[in-house]
């Protein structure tokens, strides 16, 4: 649990992990050409290749 302070108020935030919806949890994205052939695969820029993202609750 991460504790933040803002002015004189104490705020606590809870982090939760969720499957990345951009790469569907794979950690990489396939780049395709116009005919549908896979040209290359890159690490997902949204989850940095982990397949999971952390969100604050």
PDB file of N, CA and C in Angstrom:
ATOM      1  N   UNK A   1       0.846  -1.169   0.000  1.00  0.00           N
ATOM      2  CA  UNK A   1       0.000   0.000   0.000  1.00  0.00           C
ATOM      3  C   UNK A   1       0.892   1.232   0.000  1.00  0.00           C
ATOM      4  N   UNK A   2       0.528   2.186  -0.809  1.00  0.00           N
ATOM      5  CA  UNK A   2       1.292   3.410  -0.951  1.00  0.00           C
ATOM      6  C   UNK A   2       0.547   4.525  -0.232  1.00  0.00           C
ATOM      7  N   UNK A   3       1.280   5.354   0.523  1.00  0.00           N
ATOM      8  CA  UNK A   3       0.649   6.433   1.277  1.00  0.00           C
ATOM      9  C   UNK A   3       1.099   7.758   0.688  1.00  0.00           C
ATOM     10  N   UNK A   4       0.142   8.594   0.336  1.00  0.00           N
ATOM     11  CA  UNK A   4       0.415   9.915  -0.215  1.00  0.00           C
ATOM     12  C   UNK A   4      -0.107  10.970   0.744  1.00  0.00           C
ATOM     13  N   UNK A   5       0.554  12.104   0.758  1.00  0.00           N
ATOM     14  CA  UNK A   5       0.054  13.224   1.546  1.00  0.00           C
ATOM     15  C   UNK A   5      -0.211  14.385   0.612  1.00  0.00           C
ATOM     16  N   UNK A   6      -1.274  15.085   0.874  1.00  0.00           N
ATOM     17  CA  UNK A   6      -1.625  16.268   0.095  1.00  0.00           C
ATOM     18  C   UNK A   6      -2.050  17.333   1.088  1.00  0.00           C
ATOM     19  N   UNK A   7      -1.173  18.313   1.266  1.00  0.00           N
ATOM     20  CA  UNK A   7      -1.444  19.336   2.260  1.00  0.00           C
ATOM     21  C   UNK A   7      -1.420  18.722   3.641  1.00  0.00           C
ATOM     22  N   UNK A   8      -2.483  18.881   4.399  1.00  0.00           N
ATOM     23  CA  UNK A   8      -2.564  18.299   5.734  1.00  0.00           C
ATOM     24  C   UNK A   8      -3.396  17.013   5.749  1.00  0.00           C
ATOM     25  N   UNK A   9      -3.769  16.512   4.563  1.00  0.00           N
ATOM     26  CA  UNK A   9      -4.587  15.303   4.480  1.00  0.00           C
ATOM     27  C   UNK A   9      -3.722  14.107   4.128  1.00  0.00           C
ATOM     28  N   UNK A  10      -4.008  12.993   4.720  1.00  0.00           N
ATOM     29  CA  UNK A  10      -3.308  11.747   4.454  1.00  0.00           C
ATOM     30  C   UNK A  10      -4.175  10.901   3.528  1.00  0.00           C
ATOM     31  N   UNK A  11      -3.643  10.606   2.361  1.00  0.00           N
ATOM     32  CA  UNK A  11      -4.392   9.828   1.384  1.00  0.00           C
ATOM     33  C   UNK A  11      -3.716   8.482   1.202  1.00  0.00           C
ATOM     34  N   UNK A  12      -4.471   7.415   1.196  1.00  0.00           N
ATOM     35  CA  UNK A  12      -3.896   6.098   0.945  1.00  0.00           C
ATOM     36  C   UNK A  12      -4.461   5.565  -0.367  1.00  0.00           C
ATOM     37  N   UNK A  13      -3.584   4.986  -1.171  1.00  0.00           N
ATOM     38  CA  UNK A  13      -4.016   4.400  -2.431  1.00  0.00           C
ATOM     39  C   UNK A  13      -3.628   2.935  -2.447  1.00  0.00           C
ATOM     40  N   UNK A  14      -4.481   2.126  -3.015  1.00  0.00           N
ATOM     41  CA  UNK A  14      -4.220   0.704  -3.146  1.00  0.00           C
ATOM     42  C   UNK A  14      -4.022   0.395  -4.625  1.00  0.00           C
ATOM     43  N   UNK A  15      -2.962  -0.350  -4.929  1.00  0.00           N
ATOM     44  CA  UNK A  15      -2.688  -0.725  -6.308  1.00  0.00           C
ATOM     45  C   UNK A  15      -3.217  -2.126  -6.574  1.00  0.00           C
ATOM     46  N   UNK A  16      -3.814  -2.299  -7.726  1.00  0.00           N
ATOM     47  CA  UNK A  16      -4.336  -3.591  -8.144  1.00  0.00           C
ATOM     48  C   UNK A  16      -3.782  -3.898  -9.533  1.00  0.00           C
ATOM     49  N   UNK A  17      -3.471  -5.154  -9.811  1.00  0.00           N
ATOM     50  CA  UNK A  17      -2.983  -5.513 -11.141  1.00  0.00           C
ATOM     51  C   UNK A  17      -4.131  -6.046 -11.980  1.00  0.00           C
ATOM     52  N   UNK A  18      -4.052  -5.752 -13.261  1.00  0.00           N
ATOM     53  CA  UNK A  18      -5.094  -6.132 -14.196  1.00  0.00           C
ATOM     54  C   UNK A  18      -4.416  -6.544 -15.498  1.00  0.00           C
ATOM     55  N   UNK A  19      -5.010  -7.453 -16.237  1.00  0.00           N
ATOM     56  CA  UNK A  19      -4.458  -7.877 -17.519  1.00  0.00           C
ATOM     57  C   UNK A  19      -4.495  -6.706 -18.495  1.00  0.00           C
ATOM     58  N   UNK A  20      -3.397  -6.484 -19.188  1.00  0.00           N
ATOM     59  CA  UNK A  20      -3.308  -5.402 -20.168  1.00  0.00           C
ATOM     60  C   UNK A  20      -4.259  -5.690 -21.327  1.00  0.00           C
ATOM     61  N   UNK A  21      -5.118  -4.739 -21.646  1.00  0.00           N
ATOM     62  CA  UNK A  21      -6.093  -4.969 -22.711  1.00  0.00           C
ATOM     63  C   UNK A  21      -5.515  -4.705 -24.095  1.00  0.00           C
ATOM     64  N   UNK A  22      -4.368  -4.035 -24.167  1.00  0.00           N
ATOM     65  CA  UNK A  22      -3.767  -3.736 -25.465  1.00  0.00           C
ATOM     66  C   UNK A  22      -3.080  -4.965 -26.059  1.00  0.00           C
ATOM     67  N   UNK A  23      -2.382  -5.733 -25.217  1.00  0.00           N
ATOM     68  CA  UNK A  23      -1.692  -6.936 -25.706  1.00  0.00           C
ATOM     69  C   UNK A  23      -2.396  -8.220 -25.265  1.00  0.00           C
ATOM     70  N   UNK A  24      -3.511  -8.092 -24.545  1.00  0.00           N
ATOM     71  CA  UNK A  24      -4.301  -9.224 -24.036  1.00  0.00           C
ATOM     72  C   UNK A  24      -3.494 -10.125 -23.115  1.00  0.00           C
ATOM     73  N   UNK A  25      -2.554  -9.525 -22.358  1.00  0.00           N
ATOM     74  CA  UNK A  25      -1.774 -10.266 -21.377  1.00  0.00           C
ATOM     75  C   UNK A  25      -0.561 -10.984 -21.935  1.00  0.00           C
ATOM     76  N   UNK A  26      -0.288 -10.862 -23.237  1.00  0.00           N
ATOM     77  CA  UNK A  26       0.849 -11.552 -23.852  1.00  0.00           C
ATOM     78  C   UNK A  26       2.162 -10.826 -23.594  1.00  0.00           C
ATOM     79  N   UNK A  27       2.123  -9.502 -23.452  1.00  0.00           N
ATOM     80  CA  UNK A  27       3.341  -8.721 -23.243  1.00  0.00           C
ATOM     81  C   UNK A  27       3.957  -8.205 -24.528  1.00  0.00           C
ATOM     82  N   UNK A  28       3.414  -8.613 -25.673  1.00  0.00           N
ATOM     83  CA  UNK A  28       3.924  -8.132 -26.953  1.00  0.00           C
ATOM     84  C   UNK A  28       2.766  -7.905 -27.923  1.00  0.00           C
ATOM     85  N   UNK A  29       3.031  -7.090 -28.933  1.00  0.00           N
ATOM     86  CA  UNK A  29       2.043  -6.776 -29.956  1.00  0.00           C
ATOM     87  C   UNK A  29       2.621  -7.164 -31.306  1.00  0.00           C
ATOM     88  N   UNK A  30       1.842  -7.833 -32.139  1.00  0.00           N
ATOM     89  CA  UNK A  30       2.272  -8.224 -33.482  1.00  0.00           C
ATOM     90  C   UNK A  30       1.956  -7.101 -34.461  1.00  0.00           C
ATOM     91  N   UNK A  31       2.961  -6.657 -35.203  1.00  0.00           N
ATOM     92  CA  UNK A  31       2.791  -5.632 -36.226  1.00  0.00           C
ATOM     93  C   UNK A  31       2.600  -6.351 -37.562  1.00  0.00           C
ATOM     94  N   UNK A  32       1.491  -6.077 -38.234  1.00  0.00           N
ATOM     95  CA  UNK A  32       1.164  -6.774 -39.485  1.00  0.00           C
ATOM     96  C   UNK A  32       1.198  -5.806 -40.670  1.00  0.00           C
ATOM     97  N   UNK A  33       1.441  -6.353 -41.855  1.00  0.00           N
ATOM     98  CA  UNK A  33       1.382  -5.537 -43.064  1.00  0.00           C
ATOM     99  C   UNK A  33      -0.046  -5.558 -43.611  1.00  0.00           C
ATOM    100  N   UNK A  34      -0.254  -4.941 -44.769  1.00  0.00           N
ATOM    101  CA  UNK A  34      -1.613  -4.798 -45.306  1.00  0.00           C
ATOM    102  C   UNK A  34      -2.236  -6.129 -45.733  1.00  0.00           C
ATOM    103  N   UNK A  35      -1.428  -7.157 -45.983  1.00  0.00           N
ATOM    104  CA  UNK A  35      -1.987  -8.458 -46.361  1.00  0.00           C
ATOM    105  C   UNK A  35      -2.259  -9.353 -45.150  1.00  0.00           C
ATOM    106  N   UNK A  36      -1.894  -8.881 -43.948  1.00  0.00           N
ATOM    107  CA  UNK A  36      -2.161  -9.640 -42.734  1.00  0.00           C
ATOM    108  C   UNK A  36      -0.993 -10.457 -42.227  1.00  0.00           C
ATOM    109  N   UNK A  37       0.121 -10.447 -42.948  1.00  0.00           N
ATOM    110  CA  UNK A  37       1.313 -11.182 -42.513  1.00  0.00           C
ATOM    111  C   UNK A  37       1.992 -10.452 -41.356  1.00  0.00           C
ATOM    112  N   UNK A  38       2.491 -11.206 -40.384  1.00  0.00           N
ATOM    113  CA  UNK A  38       3.201 -10.608 -39.254  1.00  0.00           C
ATOM    114  C   UNK A  38       4.580 -10.159 -39.721  1.00  0.00           C
ATOM    115  N   UNK A  39       4.873  -8.880 -39.550  1.00  0.00           N
ATOM    116  CA  UNK A  39       6.170  -8.329 -39.927  1.00  0.00           C
ATOM    117  C   UNK A  39       7.157  -8.401 -38.766  1.00  0.00           C
ATOM    118  N   UNK A  40       6.693  -8.041 -37.575  1.00  0.00           N
ATOM    119  CA  UNK A  40       7.555  -8.084 -36.391  1.00  0.00           C
ATOM    120  C   UNK A  40       6.679  -8.072 -35.143  1.00  0.00           C
ATOM    121  N   UNK A  41       7.283  -8.413 -34.024  1.00  0.00           N
ATOM    122  CA  UNK A  41       6.604  -8.362 -32.735  1.00  0.00           C
ATOM    123  C   UNK A  41       7.392  -7.436 -31.834  1.00  0.00           C
ATOM    124  N   UNK A  42       6.690  -6.563 -31.119  1.00  0.00           N
ATOM    125  CA  UNK A  42       7.319  -5.586 -30.237  1.00  0.00           C
ATOM    126  C   UNK A  42       6.750  -5.733 -28.835  1.00  0.00           C
ATOM    127  N   UNK A  43       7.551  -5.356 -27.832  1.00  0.00           N
ATOM    128  CA  UNK A  43       7.047  -5.299 -26.464  1.00  0.00           C
ATOM    129  C   UNK A  43       5.917  -4.291 -26.397  1.00  0.00           C
ATOM    130  N   UNK A  44       4.919  -4.602 -25.623  1.00  0.00           N
ATOM    131  CA  UNK A  44       3.779  -3.704 -25.453  1.00  0.00           C
ATOM    132  C   UNK A  44       4.239  -2.443 -24.727  1.00  0.00           C
ATOM    133  N   UNK A  45       3.916  -1.288 -25.284  1.00  0.00           N
ATOM    134  CA  UNK A  45       4.322  -0.014 -24.696  1.00  0.00           C
ATOM    135  C   UNK A  45       3.474   0.351 -23.474  1.00  0.00           C
ATOM    136  N   UNK A  46       2.309  -0.251 -23.338  1.00  0.00           N
ATOM    137  CA  UNK A  46       1.418   0.094 -22.236  1.00  0.00           C
ATOM    138  C   UNK A  46       1.776  -0.646 -20.947  1.00  0.00           C
ATOM    139  N   UNK A  47       2.228  -1.896 -21.050  1.00  0.00           N
ATOM    140  CA  UNK A  47       2.577  -2.683 -19.854  1.00  0.00           C
ATOM    141  C   UNK A  47       4.073  -2.971 -19.777  1.00  0.00           C
ATOM    142  N   UNK A  48       4.851  -2.452 -20.719  1.00  0.00           N
ATOM    143  CA  UNK A  48       6.306  -2.663 -20.782  1.00  0.00           C
ATOM    144  C   UNK A  48       6.678  -4.141 -20.868  1.00  0.00           C
ATOM    145  N   UNK A  49       5.857  -4.923 -21.535  1.00  0.00           N
ATOM    146  CA  UNK A  49       6.164  -6.328 -21.769  1.00  0.00           C
ATOM    147  C   UNK A  49       5.773  -7.282 -20.657  1.00  0.00           C
ATOM    148  N   UNK A  50       5.141  -6.791 -19.605  1.00  0.00           N
ATOM    149  CA  UNK A  50       4.779  -7.668 -18.486  1.00  0.00           C
ATOM    150  C   UNK A  50       3.427  -8.359 -18.686  1.00  0.00           C
ATOM    151  N   UNK A  51       2.552  -7.774 -19.488  1.00  0.00           N
ATOM    152  CA  UNK A  51       1.218  -8.334 -19.686  1.00  0.00           C
ATOM    153  C   UNK A  51       0.218  -7.885 -18.639  1.00  0.00           C
ATOM    154  N   UNK A  52       0.682  -7.143 -17.637  1.00  0.00           N
ATOM    155  CA  UNK A  52      -0.189  -6.659 -16.559  1.00  0.00           C
ATOM    156  C   UNK A  52       0.028  -5.158 -16.376  1.00  0.00           C
ATOM    157  N   UNK A  53      -1.019  -4.464 -15.967  1.00  0.00           N
ATOM    158  CA  UNK A  53      -0.907  -3.054 -15.634  1.00  0.00           C
ATOM    159  C   UNK A  53      -1.402  -2.857 -14.208  1.00  0.00           C
ATOM    160  N   UNK A  54      -0.842  -1.873 -13.526  1.00  0.00           N
ATOM    161  CA  UNK A  54      -1.262  -1.564 -12.158  1.00  0.00           C
ATOM    162  C   UNK A  54      -2.185  -0.359 -12.192  1.00  0.00           C
ATOM    163  N   UNK A  55      -3.313  -0.477 -11.517  1.00  0.00           N
ATOM    164  CA  UNK A  55      -4.262   0.621 -11.433  1.00  0.00           C
ATOM    165  C   UNK A  55      -4.483   0.975  -9.970  1.00  0.00           C
ATOM    166  N   UNK A  56      -4.751   2.248  -9.724  1.00  0.00           N
ATOM    167  CA  UNK A  56      -5.038   2.702  -8.358  1.00  0.00           C
ATOM    168  C   UNK A  56      -6.524   2.558  -8.092  1.00  0.00           C
ATOM    169  N   UNK A  57      -6.842   2.062  -6.912  1.00  0.00           N
ATOM    170  CA  UNK A  57      -8.248   1.902  -6.518  1.00  0.00           C
ATOM    171  C   UNK A  57      -8.591   2.997  -5.534  1.00  0.00           C
TER     172      UNK A  57
END
